[in-house]
Structure formats: C-alpha cells, structure tokens
Amino acid sequence: MERLTAGWRRTEVRGGREWNVQPVSEAQAVKAYLCPGCGLDVEPGVAHLVTWRADGVLGDAADLAARRHWHTHCWRIGTL
C-alpha cells in the first residue's frame, strides 16, 4: 500500500469525486492491465497512471483495492 501512495501522487477532481492519481514509469510497469478508458491492455513497459478514490466511504484499503490502471491519454480525455 505504501508503494502506491508514495512518489508523485496527486489528487484530482473528476465527476464530482476526488481521485488519487499515481504515475507509473516504464520501468515500474511490469504487468499488463485493462484500461477502463479504452478497454485495451496497458502493456508492460508502458508508462501509465494508477487511480483510486480519495474520498471513498469504505476507507483507504477499500479504495486501493478498487484502483485501476489507465493509459495516460485515456485518463486525460476520459469521463467518469
């Protein structure tokens, strides 16, 4: 959990909700994830963003468990 909350994490407001946004570098991207923005894989070795609610009512652990990996472009243009 601490690994995800460290570094260049920032908070953004989208769709009236607060989101934690954590960049993942090419070197840190070692697994494939499904991007919720476009439905395609975020391939290993591709820099991207991990996002999770910053204002969830179930607490930090539940919000982190529901985190999603987005292509940077998809997050920028996406709507929640």
C-alpha atoms as a PDB file:
ATOM      1  CA  MET A   1       0.000   0.000   0.000  1.00  0.00           C
ATOM      2  CA  GLU A   2       2.776   2.449   0.876  1.00  0.00           C
ATOM      3  CA  ARG A   3       4.437   1.840  -2.500  1.00  0.00           C
ATOM      4  CA  LEU A   4       1.313   3.126  -4.250  1.00  0.00           C
ATOM      5  CA  THR A   5       0.857   6.180  -2.060  1.00  0.00           C
ATOM      6  CA  ALA A   6       4.471   7.369  -2.321  1.00  0.00           C
ATOM      7  CA  GLY A   7       6.090   9.379  -5.082  1.00  0.00           C
ATOM      8  CA  TRP A   8       4.401  11.847  -7.385  1.00  0.00           C
ATOM      9  CA  ARG A   9       0.828  11.075  -6.381  1.00  0.00           C
ATOM     10  CA  ARG A  10      -1.611  13.929  -6.818  1.00  0.00           C
ATOM     11  CA  THR A  11      -5.312  14.447  -6.216  1.00  0.00           C
ATOM     12  CA  GLU A  12      -7.734  15.375  -8.998  1.00  0.00           C
ATOM     13  CA  VAL A  13     -11.473  16.004  -9.041  1.00  0.00           C
ATOM     14  CA  ARG A  14     -13.410  14.159 -11.739  1.00  0.00           C
ATOM     15  CA  GLY A  15     -17.138  13.647 -11.949  1.00  0.00           C
ATOM     16  CA  GLY A  16     -17.588  15.395  -8.608  1.00  0.00           C
ATOM     17  CA  ARG A  17     -15.295  12.903  -6.846  1.00  0.00           C
ATOM     18  CA  GLU A  18     -11.727  13.145  -5.618  1.00  0.00           C
ATOM     19  CA  TRP A  19      -9.211  10.741  -7.150  1.00  0.00           C
ATOM     20  CA  ASN A  20      -5.644   9.867  -6.259  1.00  0.00           C
ATOM     21  CA  VAL A  21      -3.530   9.728  -9.412  1.00  0.00           C
ATOM     22  CA  GLN A  22      -0.151   7.956  -9.280  1.00  0.00           C
ATOM     23  CA  PRO A  23       2.130   7.913 -12.341  1.00  0.00           C
ATOM     24  CA  VAL A  24       3.827   4.608 -13.156  1.00  0.00           C
ATOM     25  CA  SER A  25       7.090   4.790 -15.138  1.00  0.00           C
ATOM     26  CA  GLU A  26       8.062   2.455 -17.965  1.00  0.00           C
ATOM     27  CA  ALA A  27      10.481   0.663 -15.610  1.00  0.00           C
ATOM     28  CA  GLN A  28       7.790   0.179 -12.943  1.00  0.00           C
ATOM     29  CA  ALA A  29       5.211  -1.151 -15.434  1.00  0.00           C
ATOM     30  CA  VAL A  30       5.844  -4.888 -15.258  1.00  0.00           C
ATOM     31  CA  LYS A  31       2.329  -6.317 -15.734  1.00  0.00           C
ATOM     32  CA  ALA A  32      -0.499  -5.851 -18.227  1.00  0.00           C
ATOM     33  CA  TYR A  33      -3.709  -4.193 -17.016  1.00  0.00           C
ATOM     34  CA  LEU A  34      -7.015  -3.459 -18.704  1.00  0.00           C
ATOM     35  CA  CYS A  35      -7.542   0.274 -19.192  1.00  0.00           C
ATOM     36  CA  PRO A  36     -11.113   1.232 -18.202  1.00  0.00           C
ATOM     37  CA  GLY A  37     -10.994   4.184 -20.602  1.00  0.00           C
ATOM     38  CA  CYS A  38     -10.465   2.346 -23.887  1.00  0.00           C
ATOM     39  CA  GLY A  39     -10.832  -1.313 -22.918  1.00  0.00           C
ATOM     40  CA  LEU A  40      -7.374  -2.198 -24.263  1.00  0.00           C
ATOM     41  CA  ASP A  41      -4.377  -3.545 -22.368  1.00  0.00           C
ATOM     42  CA  VAL A  42      -1.859  -1.244 -20.741  1.00  0.00           C
ATOM     43  CA  GLU A  43       1.138  -3.332 -21.787  1.00  0.00           C
ATOM     44  CA  PRO A  44       4.216  -3.975 -19.629  1.00  0.00           C
ATOM     45  CA  GLY A  45       6.845  -1.301 -20.212  1.00  0.00           C
ATOM     46  CA  VAL A  46       4.270   1.411 -20.969  1.00  0.00           C
ATOM     47  CA  ALA A  47       4.147   4.418 -18.638  1.00  0.00           C
ATOM     48  CA  HIS A  48       0.620   4.949 -17.332  1.00  0.00           C
ATOM     49  CA  LEU A  49      -1.457   6.130 -14.361  1.00  0.00           C
ATOM     50  CA  VAL A  50      -2.985   4.291 -11.427  1.00  0.00           C
ATOM     51  CA  THR A  51      -6.103   5.928 -10.000  1.00  0.00           C
ATOM     52  CA  TRP A  52      -8.234   5.284  -6.926  1.00  0.00           C
ATOM     53  CA  ARG A  53     -10.858   7.189  -4.972  1.00  0.00           C
ATOM     54  CA  ALA A  54      -9.575   9.715  -2.470  1.00  0.00           C
ATOM     55  CA  ASP A  55     -12.962  10.247  -0.843  1.00  0.00           C
ATOM     56  CA  GLY A  56     -14.462   6.769  -0.594  1.00  0.00           C
ATOM     57  CA  VAL A  57     -16.647   5.984   2.406  1.00  0.00           C
ATOM     58  CA  LEU A  58     -15.216   2.482   2.950  1.00  0.00           C
ATOM     59  CA  GLY A  59     -11.687   3.699   3.749  1.00  0.00           C
ATOM     60  CA  ASP A  60      -8.270   3.765   2.155  1.00  0.00           C
ATOM     61  CA  ALA A  61      -7.811  -0.016   1.954  1.00  0.00           C
ATOM     62  CA  ALA A  62     -11.069  -0.492   0.026  1.00  0.00           C
ATOM     63  CA  ASP A  63     -10.254   2.416  -2.293  1.00  0.00           C
ATOM     64  CA  LEU A  64      -6.796   0.982  -3.037  1.00  0.00           C
ATOM     65  CA  ALA A  65      -8.293  -2.439  -3.730  1.00  0.00           C
ATOM     66  CA  ALA A  66     -10.543  -0.812  -6.348  1.00  0.00           C
ATOM     67  CA  ARG A  67      -7.693   1.050  -8.095  1.00  0.00           C
ATOM     68  CA  ARG A  68      -7.442   0.991 -11.874  1.00  0.00           C
ATOM     69  CA  HIS A  69      -4.585   1.385 -14.347  1.00  0.00           C
ATOM     70  CA  TRP A  70      -5.230   3.856 -17.183  1.00  0.00           C
ATOM     71  CA  HIS A  71      -3.348   4.868 -20.295  1.00  0.00           C
ATOM     72  CA  THR A  72      -2.293   8.457 -19.579  1.00  0.00           C
ATOM     73  CA  HIS A  73      -4.153   9.711 -22.656  1.00  0.00           C
ATOM     74  CA  CYS A  74      -7.339   7.833 -21.727  1.00  0.00           C
ATOM     75  CA  TRP A  75      -7.342   9.372 -18.231  1.00  0.00           C
ATOM     76  CA  ARG A  76      -6.876  12.860 -19.671  1.00  0.00           C
ATOM     77  CA  ILE A  77      -9.810  12.571 -22.070  1.00  0.00           C
ATOM     78  CA  GLY A  78     -11.958  10.167 -20.046  1.00  0.00           C
ATOM     79  CA  THR A  79     -15.116  10.869 -18.135  1.00  0.00           C
ATOM     80  CA  LEU A  80     -16.144   9.064 -15.001  1.00  0.00           C
END
